[in-house]
PDB file of N, CA and C in Angstrom:
ATOM      1  N   UNK A   1       0.826  -1.197   0.000  1.00  0.00           N
ATOM      2  CA  UNK A   1       0.000   0.000   0.000  1.00  0.00           C
ATOM      3  C   UNK A   1       0.867   1.256   0.000  1.00  0.00           C
ATOM      4  N   UNK A   2       1.781   1.335   0.952  1.00  0.00           N
ATOM      5  CA  UNK A   2       2.611   2.543   1.051  1.00  0.00           C
ATOM      6  C   UNK A   2       3.533   2.678  -0.166  1.00  0.00           C
ATOM      7  N   UNK A   3       3.960   1.545  -0.726  1.00  0.00           N
ATOM      8  CA  UNK A   3       4.822   1.619  -1.899  1.00  0.00           C
ATOM      9  C   UNK A   3       4.069   2.187  -3.101  1.00  0.00           C
ATOM     10  N   UNK A   4       2.773   1.915  -3.200  1.00  0.00           N
ATOM     11  CA  UNK A   4       1.969   2.500  -4.276  1.00  0.00           C
ATOM     12  C   UNK A   4       1.810   4.001  -4.075  1.00  0.00           C
ATOM     13  N   UNK A   5       1.674   4.432  -2.816  1.00  0.00           N
ATOM     14  CA  UNK A   5       1.578   5.861  -2.528  1.00  0.00           C
ATOM     15  C   UNK A   5       2.885   6.558  -2.894  1.00  0.00           C
ATOM     16  N   UNK A   6       4.006   5.892  -2.614  1.00  0.00           N
ATOM     17  CA  UNK A   6       5.316   6.457  -2.953  1.00  0.00           C
ATOM     18  C   UNK A   6       5.437   6.623  -4.468  1.00  0.00           C
ATOM     19  N   UNK A   7       5.056   5.601  -5.213  1.00  0.00           N
ATOM     20  CA  UNK A   7       5.133   5.677  -6.670  1.00  0.00           C
ATOM     21  C   UNK A   7       4.234   6.790  -7.218  1.00  0.00           C
ATOM     22  N   UNK A   8       3.043   6.928  -6.649  1.00  0.00           N
ATOM     23  CA  UNK A   8       2.114   7.966  -7.096  1.00  0.00           C
ATOM     24  C   UNK A   8       2.681   9.360  -6.826  1.00  0.00           C
ATOM     25  N   UNK A   9       3.213   9.542  -5.623  1.00  0.00           N
ATOM     26  CA  UNK A   9       3.783  10.854  -5.286  1.00  0.00           C
ATOM     27  C   UNK A   9       5.033  11.153  -6.099  1.00  0.00           C
ATOM     28  N   UNK A  10       5.833  10.133  -6.366  1.00  0.00           N
ATOM     29  CA  UNK A  10       7.041  10.333  -7.184  1.00  0.00           C
ATOM     30  C   UNK A  10       6.651  10.798  -8.585  1.00  0.00           C
ATOM     31  N   UNK A  11       5.618  10.180  -9.138  1.00  0.00           N
ATOM     32  CA  UNK A  11       5.140  10.581 -10.464  1.00  0.00           C
ATOM     33  C   UNK A  11       4.582  12.007 -10.422  1.00  0.00           C
ATOM     34  N   UNK A  12       3.836  12.304  -9.359  1.00  0.00           N
ATOM     35  CA  UNK A  12       3.288  13.658  -9.210  1.00  0.00           C
ATOM     36  C   UNK A  12       4.409  14.693  -9.098  1.00  0.00           C
ATOM     37  N   UNK A  13       5.454  14.365  -8.346  1.00  0.00           N
ATOM     38  CA  UNK A  13       6.590  15.271  -8.199  1.00  0.00           C
ATOM     39  C   UNK A  13       7.286  15.490  -9.542  1.00  0.00           C
ATOM     40  N   UNK A  14       7.543  14.394 -10.250  1.00  0.00           N
ATOM     41  CA  UNK A  14       8.199  14.516 -11.558  1.00  0.00           C
ATOM     42  C   UNK A  14       7.378  15.370 -12.515  1.00  0.00           C
ATOM     43  N   UNK A  15       6.065  15.156 -12.537  1.00  0.00           N
ATOM     44  CA  UNK A  15       5.202  15.938 -13.421  1.00  0.00           C
ATOM     45  C   UNK A  15       5.196  17.412 -13.023  1.00  0.00           C
ATOM     46  N   UNK A  16       5.217  17.680 -11.740  1.00  0.00           N
ATOM     47  CA  UNK A  16       5.241  19.068 -11.271  1.00  0.00           C
ATOM     48  C   UNK A  16       6.517  19.772 -11.723  1.00  0.00           C
ATOM     49  N   UNK A  17       7.628  19.064 -11.635  1.00  0.00           N
ATOM     50  CA  UNK A  17       8.906  19.637 -12.070  1.00  0.00           C
ATOM     51  C   UNK A  17       8.897  19.877 -13.573  1.00  0.00           C
ATOM     52  N   UNK A  18       8.452  18.877 -14.327  1.00  0.00           N
ATOM     53  CA  UNK A  18       8.413  18.991 -15.794  1.00  0.00           C
ATOM     54  C   UNK A  18       7.504  20.139 -16.232  1.00  0.00           C
ATOM     55  N   UNK A  19       6.376  20.294 -15.541  1.00  0.00           N
ATOM     56  CA  UNK A  19       5.404  21.327 -15.915  1.00  0.00           C
ATOM     57  C   UNK A  19       5.740  22.707 -15.369  1.00  0.00           C
ATOM     58  N   UNK A  20       6.839  22.801 -14.628  1.00  0.00           N
ATOM     59  CA  UNK A  20       7.276  24.102 -14.136  1.00  0.00           C
ATOM     60  C   UNK A  20       6.404  24.671 -13.033  1.00  0.00           C
ATOM     61  N   UNK A  21       5.854  23.790 -12.216  1.00  0.00           N
ATOM     62  CA  UNK A  21       5.043  24.255 -11.086  1.00  0.00           C
ATOM     63  C   UNK A  21       5.891  25.144 -10.174  1.00  0.00           C
ATOM     64  N   UNK A  22       5.215  25.915  -9.328  1.00  0.00           N
ATOM     65  CA  UNK A  22       5.945  26.803  -8.438  1.00  0.00           C
ATOM     66  C   UNK A  22       6.684  26.010  -7.352  1.00  0.00           C
ATOM     67  N   UNK A  23       7.681  26.643  -6.772  1.00  0.00           N
ATOM     68  CA  UNK A  23       8.565  25.992  -5.798  1.00  0.00           C
ATOM     69  C   UNK A  23       7.794  25.429  -4.615  1.00  0.00           C
ATOM     70  N   UNK A  24       6.806  26.167  -4.131  1.00  0.00           N
ATOM     71  CA  UNK A  24       6.054  25.741  -2.953  1.00  0.00           C
ATOM     72  C   UNK A  24       5.329  24.409  -3.196  1.00  0.00           C
ATOM     73  N   UNK A  25       4.762  24.260  -4.359  1.00  0.00           N
ATOM     74  CA  UNK A  25       4.069  23.017  -4.719  1.00  0.00           C
ATOM     75  C   UNK A  25       5.054  21.859  -4.794  1.00  0.00           C
ATOM     76  N   UNK A  26       6.165  22.075  -5.465  1.00  0.00           N
ATOM     77  CA  UNK A  26       7.185  21.028  -5.610  1.00  0.00           C
ATOM     78  C   UNK A  26       7.742  20.646  -4.244  1.00  0.00           C
ATOM     79  N   UNK A  27       8.001  21.630  -3.428  1.00  0.00           N
ATOM     80  CA  UNK A  27       8.542  21.368  -2.089  1.00  0.00           C
ATOM     81  C   UNK A  27       7.564  20.564  -1.246  1.00  0.00           C
ATOM     82  N   UNK A  28       6.289  20.918  -1.285  1.00  0.00           N
ATOM     83  CA  UNK A  28       5.254  20.224  -0.513  1.00  0.00           C
ATOM     84  C   UNK A  28       5.195  18.746  -0.912  1.00  0.00           C
ATOM     85  N   UNK A  29       5.181  18.477  -2.198  1.00  0.00           N
ATOM     86  CA  UNK A  29       5.134  17.090  -2.670  1.00  0.00           C
ATOM     87  C   UNK A  29       6.399  16.356  -2.256  1.00  0.00           C
ATOM     88  N   UNK A  30       7.533  17.014  -2.361  1.00  0.00           N
ATOM     89  CA  UNK A  30       8.807  16.418  -1.995  1.00  0.00           C
ATOM     90  C   UNK A  30       8.855  16.024  -0.520  1.00  0.00           C
ATOM     91  N   UNK A  31       8.345  16.897   0.335  1.00  0.00           N
ATOM     92  CA  UNK A  31       8.314  16.603   1.771  1.00  0.00           C
ATOM     93  C   UNK A  31       7.390  15.419   2.054  1.00  0.00           C
ATOM     94  N   UNK A  32       6.233  15.396   1.420  1.00  0.00           N
ATOM     95  CA  UNK A  32       5.307  14.270   1.591  1.00  0.00           C
ATOM     96  C   UNK A  32       5.967  12.967   1.149  1.00  0.00           C
ATOM     97  N   UNK A  33       6.669  13.015   0.035  1.00  0.00           N
ATOM     98  CA  UNK A  33       7.353  11.836  -0.477  1.00  0.00           C
ATOM     99  C   UNK A  33       8.439  11.374   0.490  1.00  0.00           C
ATOM    100  N   UNK A  34       9.215  12.302   1.006  1.00  0.00           N
ATOM    101  CA  UNK A  34      10.259  11.958   1.979  1.00  0.00           C
ATOM    102  C   UNK A  34       9.675  11.294   3.217  1.00  0.00           C
ATOM    103  N   UNK A  35       8.548  11.814   3.690  1.00  0.00           N
ATOM    104  CA  UNK A  35       7.911  11.239   4.877  1.00  0.00           C
ATOM    105  C   UNK A  35       7.421   9.814   4.613  1.00  0.00           C
ATOM    106  N   UNK A  36       6.844   9.584   3.448  1.00  0.00           N
ATOM    107  CA  UNK A  36       6.387   8.242   3.103  1.00  0.00           C
ATOM    108  C   UNK A  36       7.553   7.263   2.968  1.00  0.00           C
ATOM    109  N   UNK A  37       8.630   7.710   2.358  1.00  0.00           N
ATOM    110  CA  UNK A  37       9.807   6.853   2.199  1.00  0.00           C
ATOM    111  C   UNK A  37      10.384   6.504   3.570  1.00  0.00           C
ATOM    112  N   UNK A  38      10.459   7.485   4.461  1.00  0.00           N
ATOM    113  CA  UNK A  38      10.964   7.226   5.814  1.00  0.00           C
ATOM    114  C   UNK A  38      10.064   6.232   6.539  1.00  0.00           C
ATOM    115  N   UNK A  39       8.752   6.394   6.398  1.00  0.00           N
ATOM    116  CA  UNK A  39       7.804   5.472   7.023  1.00  0.00           C
ATOM    117  C   UNK A  39       7.968   4.056   6.452  1.00  0.00           C
ATOM    118  N   UNK A  40       8.161   3.971   5.145  1.00  0.00           N
ATOM    119  CA  UNK A  40       8.347   2.682   4.492  1.00  0.00           C
ATOM    120  C   UNK A  40       9.584   1.973   5.030  1.00  0.00           C
ATOM    121  N   UNK A  41      10.704   2.685   5.090  1.00  0.00           N
ATOM    122  CA  UNK A  41      11.939   2.067   5.588  1.00  0.00           C
ATOM    123  C   UNK A  41      11.843   1.699   7.058  1.00  0.00           C
ATOM    124  N   UNK A  42      11.143   2.509   7.816  1.00  0.00           N
ATOM    125  CA  UNK A  42      10.962   2.203   9.234  1.00  0.00           C
ATOM    126  C   UNK A  42      10.208   0.884   9.405  1.00  0.00           C
ATOM    127  N   UNK A  43       9.151   0.707   8.613  1.00  0.00           N
ATOM    128  CA  UNK A  43       8.377  -0.533   8.670  1.00  0.00           C
ATOM    129  C   UNK A  43       9.207  -1.722   8.185  1.00  0.00           C
ATOM    130  N   UNK A  44       9.976  -1.526   7.136  1.00  0.00           N
ATOM    131  CA  UNK A  44      10.784  -2.606   6.569  1.00  0.00           C
ATOM    132  C   UNK A  44      11.893  -3.062   7.536  1.00  0.00           C
ATOM    133  N   UNK A  45      12.492  -2.123   8.231  1.00  0.00           N
ATOM    134  CA  UNK A  45      13.591  -2.484   9.126  1.00  0.00           C
ATOM    135  C   UNK A  45      13.106  -3.091  10.435  1.00  0.00           C
ATOM    136  N   UNK A  46      11.824  -2.896  10.748  1.00  0.00           N
ATOM    137  CA  UNK A  46      11.299  -3.454  11.993  1.00  0.00           C
ATOM    138  C   UNK A  46      10.783  -4.888  11.828  1.00  0.00           C
ATOM    139  N   UNK A  47      10.825  -5.393  10.625  1.00  0.00           N
ATOM    140  CA  UNK A  47      10.348  -6.767  10.358  1.00  0.00           C
ATOM    141  C   UNK A  47      11.317  -7.790  10.906  1.00  0.00           C
TER     142      UNK A  47
END
């Protein structure tokens, strides 16, 4: 589940960069992506 969210946000981030979105939008998506990746690794390492 979380890996699908990561892929979706990564695609959204890439599209935002390609489309020249403003910095605030790109930064917001980037932070959300970082948080999901950290959560994913935390869950993976606790197995």
